[in-house]
N, C-alpha and C. Protein backbone atom coordinates (compact mmCIF):
# COMPACT_ATOMS: atom_id res chain seq x y z
N VAL A 1 -80.33 20.73 44.24
CA VAL A 1 -80.48 19.39 43.85
C VAL A 1 -80.39 18.37 45.08
N LEU A 2 -79.43 18.71 45.88
CA LEU A 2 -79.27 17.70 47.12
C LEU A 2 -80.54 17.82 48.00
N ALA A 3 -80.99 19.08 48.14
CA ALA A 3 -82.37 19.18 48.99
C ALA A 3 -83.37 18.37 48.50
N ALA A 4 -83.58 18.38 47.12
CA ALA A 4 -84.59 17.67 46.47
C ALA A 4 -84.42 16.16 46.54
N VAL A 5 -83.20 15.60 46.34
CA VAL A 5 -82.92 14.33 46.64
C VAL A 5 -83.23 13.88 48.01
N TYR A 6 -82.85 14.58 49.01
CA TYR A 6 -83.06 14.06 50.38
C TYR A 6 -84.54 14.13 50.80
N LYS A 7 -85.42 15.18 50.13
CA LYS A 7 -86.75 15.30 50.44
C LYS A 7 -87.43 14.00 49.86
N ALA A 8 -86.96 13.65 48.60
CA ALA A 8 -87.47 12.42 47.92
C ALA A 8 -87.21 11.16 48.69
N LEU A 9 -85.96 11.12 49.18
CA LEU A 9 -85.58 9.93 50.05
C LEU A 9 -86.48 9.77 51.30
N ASN A 10 -86.69 11.03 51.92
CA ASN A 10 -87.41 11.04 53.04
C ASN A 10 -88.89 10.69 52.73
N ASP A 11 -89.49 11.23 51.68
CA ASP A 11 -90.89 10.80 51.29
C ASP A 11 -91.02 9.37 50.99
N HIS A 12 -89.91 8.75 50.65
CA HIS A 12 -90.09 7.36 50.34
C HIS A 12 -89.46 6.47 51.47
N HIS A 13 -89.34 7.14 52.67
CA HIS A 13 -88.95 6.45 53.90
C HIS A 13 -87.65 5.79 53.82
N VAL A 14 -86.70 6.16 53.12
CA VAL A 14 -85.40 5.57 53.03
C VAL A 14 -84.65 5.80 54.28
N TYR A 15 -84.02 4.61 54.78
CA TYR A 15 -83.29 4.76 56.01
C TYR A 15 -81.93 5.45 55.81
N LEU A 16 -81.92 6.80 56.07
CA LEU A 16 -80.74 7.55 55.80
C LEU A 16 -79.51 7.18 56.45
N GLU A 17 -79.67 6.57 57.77
CA GLU A 17 -78.41 6.00 58.40
C GLU A 17 -77.80 4.89 57.68
N GLY A 18 -78.39 4.31 56.61
CA GLY A 18 -77.80 3.26 55.92
C GLY A 18 -77.24 3.78 54.63
N THR A 19 -77.15 5.08 54.45
CA THR A 19 -76.70 5.62 53.08
C THR A 19 -75.35 6.35 53.26
N LEU A 20 -74.69 6.52 52.09
CA LEU A 20 -73.51 7.37 52.03
C LEU A 20 -73.58 8.30 50.98
N LEU A 21 -72.98 9.54 50.98
CA LEU A 21 -72.96 10.50 49.86
C LEU A 21 -71.59 10.62 49.40
N LYS A 22 -71.57 10.50 48.04
CA LYS A 22 -70.26 10.77 47.38
C LYS A 22 -70.35 12.03 46.41
N PRO A 23 -70.28 13.12 47.03
CA PRO A 23 -70.41 14.34 46.18
C PRO A 23 -69.29 14.78 45.33
N ASN A 24 -69.49 15.72 44.38
CA ASN A 24 -68.50 16.42 43.70
C ASN A 24 -68.19 17.76 44.32
N MET A 25 -67.16 18.48 44.06
CA MET A 25 -66.91 19.77 44.51
C MET A 25 -67.80 20.70 43.82
N VAL A 26 -68.14 21.90 44.47
CA VAL A 26 -68.86 22.98 43.98
C VAL A 26 -67.90 23.77 43.06
N THR A 27 -68.26 23.97 41.85
CA THR A 27 -67.52 24.73 40.95
C THR A 27 -68.24 25.88 40.15
N ALA A 28 -67.56 26.91 39.67
CA ALA A 28 -68.22 27.91 38.98
C ALA A 28 -68.55 27.40 37.63
N GLY A 29 -69.61 27.98 36.98
CA GLY A 29 -69.93 27.58 35.57
C GLY A 29 -68.96 28.08 34.55
N HIS A 30 -69.03 27.49 33.40
CA HIS A 30 -68.15 27.87 32.36
C HIS A 30 -68.18 29.35 31.90
N SER A 31 -69.26 29.89 32.04
CA SER A 31 -69.26 31.42 31.57
C SER A 31 -68.88 32.27 32.74
N CYS A 32 -68.58 31.78 33.98
CA CYS A 32 -67.96 32.70 34.98
C CYS A 32 -66.53 33.06 34.71
N SER A 33 -66.28 34.37 34.65
CA SER A 33 -64.98 34.85 34.36
C SER A 33 -64.03 34.94 35.60
N LYS A 34 -64.73 34.94 36.80
CA LYS A 34 -63.74 34.92 37.95
C LYS A 34 -63.18 33.56 38.27
N LYS A 35 -61.92 33.52 38.64
CA LYS A 35 -61.34 32.26 38.99
C LYS A 35 -61.31 32.12 40.55
N TYR A 36 -61.72 31.03 41.05
CA TYR A 36 -61.79 30.90 42.53
C TYR A 36 -60.58 29.96 42.98
N THR A 37 -60.13 30.28 44.21
CA THR A 37 -59.12 29.39 44.78
C THR A 37 -59.63 28.10 45.24
N PRO A 38 -58.72 27.12 45.32
CA PRO A 38 -59.18 25.85 45.92
C PRO A 38 -59.84 25.96 47.34
N GLN A 39 -59.41 27.00 48.14
CA GLN A 39 -59.99 27.21 49.45
C GLN A 39 -61.38 27.73 49.35
N ASP A 40 -61.63 28.61 48.33
CA ASP A 40 -62.89 29.19 48.09
C ASP A 40 -63.83 28.02 47.78
N ILE A 41 -63.40 27.14 46.82
CA ILE A 41 -64.20 26.05 46.38
C ILE A 41 -64.54 25.07 47.60
N ALA A 42 -63.48 24.83 48.40
CA ALA A 42 -63.70 23.93 49.53
C ALA A 42 -64.76 24.49 50.47
N ILE A 43 -64.59 25.76 50.70
CA ILE A 43 -65.59 26.46 51.71
C ILE A 43 -67.08 26.39 51.12
N ALA A 44 -67.17 26.68 49.81
CA ALA A 44 -68.56 26.52 49.22
C ALA A 44 -69.06 25.17 49.20
N THR A 45 -68.20 24.16 49.11
CA THR A 45 -68.69 22.72 49.09
C THR A 45 -69.08 22.34 50.52
N VAL A 46 -68.28 22.66 51.47
CA VAL A 46 -68.53 22.24 52.82
C VAL A 46 -69.89 22.94 53.28
N THR A 47 -70.02 24.27 53.02
CA THR A 47 -71.27 25.01 53.30
C THR A 47 -72.46 24.42 52.72
N THR A 48 -72.32 24.09 51.47
CA THR A 48 -73.47 23.44 50.77
C THR A 48 -73.88 22.12 51.44
N LEU A 49 -72.88 21.33 51.63
CA LEU A 49 -73.19 19.98 52.38
C LEU A 49 -73.78 20.13 53.81
N LEU A 50 -73.29 21.06 54.52
CA LEU A 50 -73.79 21.37 55.94
C LEU A 50 -75.17 21.80 55.85
N ARG A 51 -75.54 22.57 54.76
CA ARG A 51 -76.91 23.11 54.83
C ARG A 51 -77.99 22.14 54.21
N THR A 52 -77.47 21.18 53.48
CA THR A 52 -78.45 20.20 52.68
C THR A 52 -78.58 18.75 53.19
N VAL A 53 -77.37 18.15 53.64
CA VAL A 53 -77.36 16.87 54.03
C VAL A 53 -77.81 16.64 55.46
N PRO A 54 -78.86 15.81 55.66
CA PRO A 54 -79.21 15.60 57.09
C PRO A 54 -78.25 14.98 57.92
N ALA A 55 -78.21 15.25 59.10
CA ALA A 55 -77.32 14.73 60.19
C ALA A 55 -77.37 13.18 60.23
N ALA A 56 -78.41 12.63 59.83
CA ALA A 56 -78.56 11.13 59.85
C ALA A 56 -77.71 10.45 58.90
N VAL A 57 -77.19 11.08 57.89
CA VAL A 57 -76.30 10.53 56.95
C VAL A 57 -74.99 10.38 57.55
N PRO A 58 -74.60 9.07 57.68
CA PRO A 58 -73.31 8.78 58.53
C PRO A 58 -71.97 9.14 57.81
N GLY A 59 -71.96 9.29 56.51
CA GLY A 59 -70.74 9.60 55.83
C GLY A 59 -70.78 10.30 54.51
N ILE A 60 -69.88 11.15 54.31
CA ILE A 60 -69.73 11.90 53.00
C ILE A 60 -68.36 11.69 52.44
């Protein structure tokens, strides 16, 4: 979803340096039986943000 949002913003020539991102944490779905630690969730969230949010975005 984040990649699609940033592609659309780029397609519409949005000035990314003037934007901020307020994300939610990555979490497992309701049907997932495995319980993840807060550290696992934090690592997954940061990894996702690093892979999808352009460097031009000044703040998360």
